[in-house]
Amino acid sequence: MSAEKSVTMPTVHMGGTDVESLLNDYLAALNAAKKLMAVLPSPNGRDYPEAGTYDGAYADHMRRIDTIRGVFDELQAIVHHVAEEDGKRRSRRR
């Protein structure tokens, strides 16, 4: 994330959603964000023949990519957090 901000992390505990579901759901969302970045069409200069319009379209495209990348980064942080918490929880049970 370009501007560091705090992400509220889920608490892994017996009364909450099971770890496997949490990880699967967040991994699915993470993969969807990754796919979205890959399929989001880039502007084509031929579609913006008026002077200066391509630059604006490209700036808009990059803003969208940055927004999706920010969501991707947050989801990735949540996945790492849940996996680490699960590892700690499992090691305490041994």
Foldseek 3Di string as FASTA:
>chain_A
DVDDDDDDEDDADPPDDHLVVLLVVLVVVLVVLVVCLVPVDADDCVVPVDPPPNVVSNVVNVVVSVVSVVVNVSSVVRNVVSVVNVVVVVVVVD
